[in-house]
Amino acid sequence: METTFANEFLKVYDRLIAEGGITFARTGINKEEFTNLCIDPGFVLEEERFQLIADRMGLDDDTRARLEELADFD
C-alpha cells in the first residue's frame, strides 16, 4: 500500500488519541476534513490548515517534516 499524507496523518492522529495526548475537538480538524482524510487516500489538508492542526497536535519536527513531504507543499 502506498504511503499517502492521509493515511500517515491518520496513523499519527490515532496514536496521539490512543495515548490521550489530544482530543478531536482540540485538533481543530473539522468534520469535512476528517471525513476526507478517512475516505480519500489522496486528500491533503491545505498547508495553512495543516500547520495550525500540527501545532495543536504538538507534532515533533520529524513527524511534521514527514507529513509535509507527503503533502508536497510548495
PDB file of N, CA and C in Angstrom:
ATOM      1  N   MET A   1       0.830  -1.173   0.000  1.00  0.00           N
ATOM      2  CA  MET A   1       0.000   0.000   0.000  1.00  0.00           C
ATOM      3  C   MET A   1       0.885   1.251   0.000  1.00  0.00           C
ATOM      4  N   GLU A   2       0.567   2.187  -0.862  1.00  0.00           N
ATOM      5  CA  GLU A   2       1.321   3.432  -0.969  1.00  0.00           C
ATOM      6  C   GLU A   2       1.083   4.301   0.265  1.00  0.00           C
ATOM      7  N   THR A   3       2.143   4.885   0.766  1.00  0.00           N
ATOM      8  CA  THR A   3       2.012   5.799   1.890  1.00  0.00           C
ATOM      9  C   THR A   3       1.577   7.150   1.361  1.00  0.00           C
ATOM     10  N   THR A   4       0.458   7.635   1.858  1.00  0.00           N
ATOM     11  CA  THR A   4      -0.062   8.935   1.458  1.00  0.00           C
ATOM     12  C   THR A   4      -0.140   9.839   2.675  1.00  0.00           C
ATOM     13  N   PHE A   5      -0.319  11.123   2.422  1.00  0.00           N
ATOM     14  CA  PHE A   5      -0.491  12.073   3.515  1.00  0.00           C
ATOM     15  C   PHE A   5      -1.642  11.638   4.416  1.00  0.00           C
ATOM     16  N   ALA A   6      -2.781  11.318   3.794  1.00  0.00           N
ATOM     17  CA  ALA A   6      -3.979  10.988   4.578  1.00  0.00           C
ATOM     18  C   ALA A   6      -3.748   9.786   5.481  1.00  0.00           C
ATOM     19  N   ASN A   7      -3.195   8.687   4.938  1.00  0.00           N
ATOM     20  CA  ASN A   7      -3.054   7.518   5.804  1.00  0.00           C
ATOM     21  C   ASN A   7      -1.958   7.704   6.847  1.00  0.00           C
ATOM     22  N   GLU A   8      -0.917   8.436   6.529  1.00  0.00           N
ATOM     23  CA  GLU A   8       0.131   8.695   7.525  1.00  0.00           C
ATOM     24  C   GLU A   8      -0.380   9.643   8.607  1.00  0.00           C
ATOM     25  N   PHE A   9      -1.131  10.664   8.201  1.00  0.00           N
ATOM     26  CA  PHE A   9      -1.708  11.593   9.168  1.00  0.00           C
ATOM     27  C   PHE A   9      -2.626  10.847  10.136  1.00  0.00           C
ATOM     28  N   LEU A  10      -3.463   9.968   9.605  1.00  0.00           N
ATOM     29  CA  LEU A  10      -4.388   9.236  10.470  1.00  0.00           C
ATOM     30  C   LEU A  10      -3.663   8.291  11.419  1.00  0.00           C
ATOM     31  N   LYS A  11      -2.542   7.719  10.997  1.00  0.00           N
ATOM     32  CA  LYS A  11      -1.748   6.875  11.908  1.00  0.00           C
ATOM     33  C   LYS A  11      -1.259   7.704  13.093  1.00  0.00           C
ATOM     34  N   VAL A  12      -0.731   8.887  12.787  1.00  0.00           N
ATOM     35  CA  VAL A  12      -0.237   9.775  13.843  1.00  0.00           C
ATOM     36  C   VAL A  12      -1.397  10.200  14.743  1.00  0.00           C
ATOM     37  N   TYR A  13      -2.490  10.614  14.127  1.00  0.00           N
ATOM     38  CA  TYR A  13      -3.685  11.046  14.854  1.00  0.00           C
ATOM     39  C   TYR A  13      -4.176   9.926  15.786  1.00  0.00           C
ATOM     40  N   ASP A  14      -4.307   8.714  15.257  1.00  0.00           N
ATOM     41  CA  ASP A  14      -4.791   7.582  16.051  1.00  0.00           C
ATOM     42  C   ASP A  14      -3.869   7.303  17.238  1.00  0.00           C
ATOM     43  N   ARG A  15      -2.556   7.365  17.001  1.00  0.00           N
ATOM     44  CA  ARG A  15      -1.600   7.116  18.078  1.00  0.00           C
ATOM     45  C   ARG A  15      -1.751   8.162  19.184  1.00  0.00           C
ATOM     46  N   LEU A  16      -1.853   9.437  18.793  1.00  0.00           N
ATOM     47  CA  LEU A  16      -1.973  10.501  19.786  1.00  0.00           C
ATOM     48  C   LEU A  16      -3.299  10.423  20.546  1.00  0.00           C
ATOM     49  N   ILE A  17      -4.364  10.060  19.859  1.00  0.00           N
ATOM     50  CA  ILE A  17      -5.660   9.881  20.521  1.00  0.00           C
ATOM     51  C   ILE A  17      -5.562   8.735  21.532  1.00  0.00           C
ATOM     52  N   ALA A  18      -4.985   7.608  21.111  1.00  0.00           N
ATOM     53  CA  ALA A  18      -4.869   6.436  21.985  1.00  0.00           C
ATOM     54  C   ALA A  18      -4.008   6.730  23.215  1.00  0.00           C
ATOM     55  N   GLU A  19      -2.981   7.557  23.036  1.00  0.00           N
ATOM     56  CA  GLU A  19      -2.107   7.914  24.156  1.00  0.00           C
ATOM     57  C   GLU A  19      -2.763   8.928  25.088  1.00  0.00           C
ATOM     58  N   GLY A  20      -3.884   9.507  24.646  1.00  0.00           N
ATOM     59  CA  GLY A  20      -4.571  10.503  25.456  1.00  0.00           C
ATOM     60  C   GLY A  20      -3.977  11.894  25.346  1.00  0.00           C
ATOM     61  N   GLY A  21      -3.074  12.086  24.382  1.00  0.00           N
ATOM     62  CA  GLY A  21      -2.400  13.364  24.237  1.00  0.00           C
ATOM     63  C   GLY A  21      -3.245  14.445  23.596  1.00  0.00           C
ATOM     64  N   ILE A  22      -4.255  14.053  22.850  1.00  0.00           N
ATOM     65  CA  ILE A  22      -5.115  15.020  22.177  1.00  0.00           C
ATOM     66  C   ILE A  22      -6.549  14.514  22.173  1.00  0.00           C
ATOM     67  N   THR A  23      -7.446  15.410  21.843  1.00  0.00           N
ATOM     68  CA  THR A  23      -8.836  15.044  21.592  1.00  0.00           C
ATOM     69  C   THR A  23      -9.196  15.576  20.213  1.00  0.00           C
ATOM     70  N   PHE A  24     -10.238  15.037  19.626  1.00  0.00           N
ATOM     71  CA  PHE A  24     -10.669  15.504  18.319  1.00  0.00           C
ATOM     72  C   PHE A  24     -10.936  17.000  18.351  1.00  0.00           C
ATOM     73  N   ALA A  25     -11.651  17.459  19.347  1.00  0.00           N
ATOM     74  CA  ALA A  25     -12.007  18.875  19.439  1.00  0.00           C
ATOM     75  C   ALA A  25     -10.773  19.766  19.525  1.00  0.00           C
ATOM     76  N   ARG A  26      -9.762  19.314  20.228  1.00  0.00           N
ATOM     77  CA  ARG A  26      -8.553  20.127  20.405  1.00  0.00           C
ATOM     78  C   ARG A  26      -7.737  20.259  19.122  1.00  0.00           C
ATOM     79  N   THR A  27      -7.834  19.297  18.224  1.00  0.00           N
ATOM     80  CA  THR A  27      -7.027  19.353  16.999  1.00  0.00           C
ATOM     81  C   THR A  27      -7.452  20.465  16.068  1.00  0.00           C
ATOM     82  N   GLY A  28      -8.725  20.816  16.087  1.00  0.00           N
ATOM     83  CA  GLY A  28      -9.225  21.822  15.163  1.00  0.00           C
ATOM     84  C   GLY A  28      -9.619  21.269  13.811  1.00  0.00           C
ATOM     85  N   ILE A  29      -9.533  19.952  13.650  1.00  0.00           N
ATOM     86  CA  ILE A  29      -9.953  19.326  12.398  1.00  0.00           C
ATOM     87  C   ILE A  29     -11.472  19.410  12.324  1.00  0.00           C
ATOM     88  N   ASN A  30     -11.983  19.891  11.196  1.00  0.00           N
ATOM     89  CA  ASN A  30     -13.433  19.932  11.080  1.00  0.00           C
ATOM     90  C   ASN A  30     -13.955  18.610  10.522  1.00  0.00           C
ATOM     91  N   LYS A  31     -15.260  18.443  10.597  1.00  0.00           N
ATOM     92  CA  LYS A  31     -15.893  17.187  10.202  1.00  0.00           C
ATOM     93  C   LYS A  31     -15.605  16.840   8.735  1.00  0.00           C
ATOM     94  N   GLU A  32     -15.670  17.825   7.859  1.00  0.00           N
ATOM     95  CA  GLU A  32     -15.422  17.584   6.435  1.00  0.00           C
ATOM     96  C   GLU A  32     -13.982  17.135   6.185  1.00  0.00           C
ATOM     97  N   GLU A  33     -13.027  17.789   6.845  1.00  0.00           N
ATOM     98  CA  GLU A  33     -11.618  17.398   6.699  1.00  0.00           C
ATOM     99  C   GLU A  33     -11.406  15.973   7.201  1.00  0.00           C
ATOM    100  N   PHE A  34     -11.976  15.663   8.358  1.00  0.00           N
ATOM    101  CA  PHE A  34     -11.796  14.325   8.922  1.00  0.00           C
ATOM    102  C   PHE A  34     -12.401  13.261   8.009  1.00  0.00           C
ATOM    103  N   THR A  35     -13.584  13.529   7.497  1.00  0.00           N
ATOM    104  CA  THR A  35     -14.231  12.581   6.582  1.00  0.00           C
ATOM    105  C   THR A  35     -13.357  12.363   5.350  1.00  0.00           C
ATOM    106  N   ASN A  36     -12.837  13.446   4.784  1.00  0.00           N
ATOM    107  CA  ASN A  36     -11.979  13.324   3.605  1.00  0.00           C
ATOM    108  C   ASN A  36     -10.705  12.548   3.907  1.00  0.00           C
ATOM    109  N   LEU A  37     -10.104  12.799   5.064  1.00  0.00           N
ATOM    110  CA  LEU A  37      -8.907  12.045   5.451  1.00  0.00           C
ATOM    111  C   LEU A  37      -9.204  10.546   5.536  1.00  0.00           C
ATOM    112  N   CYS A  38     -10.395  10.217   6.025  1.00  0.00           N
ATOM    113  CA  CYS A  38     -10.766   8.809   6.210  1.00  0.00           C
ATOM    114  C   CYS A  38     -11.135   8.096   4.912  1.00  0.00           C
ATOM    115  N   ILE A  39     -11.755   8.790   3.972  1.00  0.00           N
ATOM    116  CA  ILE A  39     -12.276   8.094   2.783  1.00  0.00           C
ATOM    117  C   ILE A  39     -11.486   8.346   1.505  1.00  0.00           C
ATOM    118  N   ASP A  40     -10.637   9.381   1.487  1.00  0.00           N
ATOM    119  CA  ASP A  40      -9.900   9.712   0.269  1.00  0.00           C
ATOM    120  C   ASP A  40      -8.406   9.659   0.542  1.00  0.00           C
ATOM    121  N   PRO A  41      -7.732   8.579   0.130  1.00  0.00           N
ATOM    122  CA  PRO A  41      -6.302   8.454   0.414  1.00  0.00           C
ATOM    123  C   PRO A  41      -5.463   9.551  -0.249  1.00  0.00           C
ATOM    124  N   GLY A  42      -6.015  10.232  -1.248  1.00  0.00           N
ATOM    125  CA  GLY A  42      -5.298  11.310  -1.919  1.00  0.00           C
ATOM    126  C   GLY A  42      -5.543  12.680  -1.312  1.00  0.00           C
ATOM    127  N   PHE A  43      -6.369  12.745  -0.272  1.00  0.00           N
ATOM    128  CA  PHE A  43      -6.702  14.033   0.333  1.00  0.00           C
ATOM    129  C   PHE A  43      -5.511  14.591   1.097  1.00  0.00           C
ATOM    130  N   VAL A  44      -5.303  15.903   0.938  1.00  0.00           N
ATOM    131  CA  VAL A  44      -4.259  16.625   1.666  1.00  0.00           C
ATOM    132  C   VAL A  44      -4.886  17.893   2.236  1.00  0.00           C
ATOM    133  N   LEU A  45      -4.652  18.130   3.502  1.00  0.00           N
ATOM    134  CA  LEU A  45      -5.107  19.377   4.113  1.00  0.00           C
ATOM    135  C   LEU A  45      -4.412  20.549   3.432  1.00  0.00           C
ATOM    136  N   GLU A  46      -5.072  21.699   3.396  1.00  0.00           N
ATOM    137  CA  GLU A  46      -4.415  22.902   2.905  1.00  0.00           C
ATOM    138  C   GLU A  46      -3.252  23.198   3.848  1.00  0.00           C
ATOM    139  N   GLU A  47      -2.177  23.760   3.311  1.00  0.00           N
ATOM    140  CA  GLU A  47      -0.960  23.954   4.102  1.00  0.00           C
ATOM    141  C   GLU A  47      -1.204  24.769   5.369  1.00  0.00           C
ATOM    142  N   GLU A  48      -1.946  25.851   5.255  1.00  0.00           N
ATOM    143  CA  GLU A  48      -2.224  26.688   6.420  1.00  0.00           C
ATOM    144  C   GLU A  48      -2.999  25.911   7.480  1.00  0.00           C
ATOM    145  N   ARG A  49      -3.977  25.128   7.064  1.00  0.00           N
ATOM    146  CA  ARG A  49      -4.753  24.300   7.992  1.00  0.00           C
ATOM    147  C   ARG A  49      -3.861  23.247   8.629  1.00  0.00           C
ATOM    148  N   PHE A  50      -3.009  22.619   7.817  1.00  0.00           N
ATOM    149  CA  PHE A  50      -2.104  21.601   8.354  1.00  0.00           C
ATOM    150  C   PHE A  50      -1.214  22.198   9.441  1.00  0.00           C
ATOM    151  N   GLN A  51      -0.639  23.373   9.187  1.00  0.00           N
ATOM    152  CA  GLN A  51       0.270  23.981  10.165  1.00  0.00           C
ATOM    153  C   GLN A  51      -0.461  24.255  11.485  1.00  0.00           C
ATOM    154  N   LEU A  52      -1.668  24.761  11.413  1.00  0.00           N
ATOM    155  CA  LEU A  52      -2.464  25.024  12.616  1.00  0.00           C
ATOM    156  C   LEU A  52      -2.759  23.727  13.371  1.00  0.00           C
ATOM    157  N   ILE A  53      -3.196  22.716  12.644  1.00  0.00           N
ATOM    158  CA  ILE A  53      -3.537  21.431  13.260  1.00  0.00           C
ATOM    159  C   ILE A  53      -2.290  20.757  13.831  1.00  0.00           C
ATOM    160  N   ALA A  54      -1.178  20.807  13.097  1.00  0.00           N
ATOM    161  CA  ALA A  54       0.079  20.219  13.579  1.00  0.00           C
ATOM    162  C   ALA A  54       0.520  20.881  14.876  1.00  0.00           C
ATOM    163  N   ASP A  55       0.373  22.204  14.957  1.00  0.00           N
ATOM    164  CA  ASP A  55       0.714  22.911  16.197  1.00  0.00           C
ATOM    165  C   ASP A  55      -0.179  22.439  17.339  1.00  0.00           C
ATOM    166  N   ARG A  56      -1.474  22.350  17.078  1.00  0.00           N
ATOM    167  CA  ARG A  56      -2.418  21.931  18.124  1.00  0.00           C
ATOM    168  C   ARG A  56      -2.177  20.491  18.567  1.00  0.00           C
ATOM    169  N   MET A  57      -1.719  19.659  17.637  1.00  0.00           N
ATOM    170  CA  MET A  57      -1.437  18.260  17.968  1.00  0.00           C
ATOM    171  C   MET A  57      -0.075  18.097  18.636  1.00  0.00           C
ATOM    172  N   GLY A  58       0.747  19.130  18.589  1.00  0.00           N
ATOM    173  CA  GLY A  58       2.076  19.054  19.198  1.00  0.00           C
ATOM    174  C   GLY A  58       3.011  18.114  18.454  1.00  0.00           C
ATOM    175  N   LEU A  59       2.922  18.106  17.125  1.00  0.00           N
ATOM    176  CA  LEU A  59       3.765  17.198  16.347  1.00  0.00           C
ATOM    177  C   LEU A  59       5.233  17.567  16.482  1.00  0.00           C
ATOM    178  N   ASP A  60       6.086  16.551  16.628  1.00  0.00           N
ATOM    179  CA  ASP A  60       7.515  16.817  16.688  1.00  0.00           C
ATOM    180  C   ASP A  60       8.024  17.161  15.286  1.00  0.00           C
ATOM    181  N   ASP A  61       9.225  17.686  15.210  1.00  0.00           N
ATOM    182  CA  ASP A  61       9.773  18.162  13.937  1.00  0.00           C
ATOM    183  C   ASP A  61       9.858  17.061  12.880  1.00  0.00           C
ATOM    184  N   ASP A  62      10.261  15.859  13.283  1.00  0.00           N
ATOM    185  CA  ASP A  62      10.394  14.762  12.320  1.00  0.00           C
ATOM    186  C   ASP A  62       9.042  14.361  11.736  1.00  0.00           C
ATOM    187  N   THR A  63       8.032  14.256  12.587  1.00  0.00           N
ATOM    188  CA  THR A  63       6.701  13.880  12.129  1.00  0.00           C
ATOM    189  C   THR A  63       6.130  14.967  11.222  1.00  0.00           C
ATOM    190  N   ARG A  64       6.283  16.200  11.622  1.00  0.00           N
ATOM    191  CA  ARG A  64       5.795  17.313  10.814  1.00  0.00           C
ATOM    192  C   ARG A  64       6.477  17.321   9.448  1.00  0.00           C
ATOM    193  N   ALA A  65       7.790  17.139   9.431  1.00  0.00           N
ATOM    194  CA  ALA A  65       8.536  17.144   8.164  1.00  0.00           C
ATOM    195  C   ALA A  65       8.089  16.001   7.262  1.00  0.00           C
ATOM    196  N   ARG A  66       7.871  14.840   7.833  1.00  0.00           N
ATOM    197  CA  ARG A  66       7.416  13.678   7.050  1.00  0.00           C
ATOM    198  C   ARG A  66       6.057  13.958   6.416  1.00  0.00           C
ATOM    199  N   LEU A  67       5.129  14.507   7.190  1.00  0.00           N
ATOM    200  CA  LEU A  67       3.804  14.810   6.661  1.00  0.00           C
ATOM    201  C   LEU A  67       3.867  15.924   5.610  1.00  0.00           C
ATOM    202  N   GLU A  68       4.703  16.924   5.836  1.00  0.00           N
ATOM    203  CA  GLU A  68       4.869  17.990   4.840  1.00  0.00           C
ATOM    204  C   GLU A  68       5.426  17.438   3.536  1.00  0.00           C
ATOM    205  N   GLU A  69       6.348  16.501   3.654  1.00  0.00           N
ATOM    206  CA  GLU A  69       6.915  15.864   2.462  1.00  0.00           C
ATOM    207  C   GLU A  69       5.839  15.092   1.693  1.00  0.00           C
ATOM    208  N   LEU A  70       5.025  14.340   2.404  1.00  0.00           N
ATOM    209  CA  LEU A  70       3.954  13.585   1.766  1.00  0.00           C
ATOM    210  C   LEU A  70       2.894  14.518   1.156  1.00  0.00           C
ATOM    211  N   ALA A  71       2.678  15.671   1.793  1.00  0.00           N
ATOM    212  CA  ALA A  71       1.697  16.629   1.286  1.00  0.00           C
ATOM    213  C   ALA A  71       2.213  17.351   0.047  1.00  0.00           C
ATOM    214  N   ASP A  72       3.534  17.374  -0.118  1.00  0.00           N
ATOM    215  CA  ASP A  72       4.171  18.034  -1.253  1.00  0.00           C
ATOM    216  C   ASP A  72       3.796  19.515  -1.321  1.00  0.00           C
ATOM    217  N   PHE A  73       3.910  20.171  -0.148  1.00  0.00           N
ATOM    218  CA  PHE A  73       3.643  21.607  -0.111  1.00  0.00           C
ATOM    219  C   PHE A  73       4.738  22.313  -0.895  1.00  0.00           C
ATOM    220  N   ASP A  74       4.350  23.290  -1.691  1.00  0.00           N
ATOM    221  CA  ASP A  74       5.335  24.047  -2.486  1.00  0.00           C
ATOM    222  C   ASP A  74       5.800  25.273  -1.765  1.00  0.00           C
TER     223      ASP A  74
END
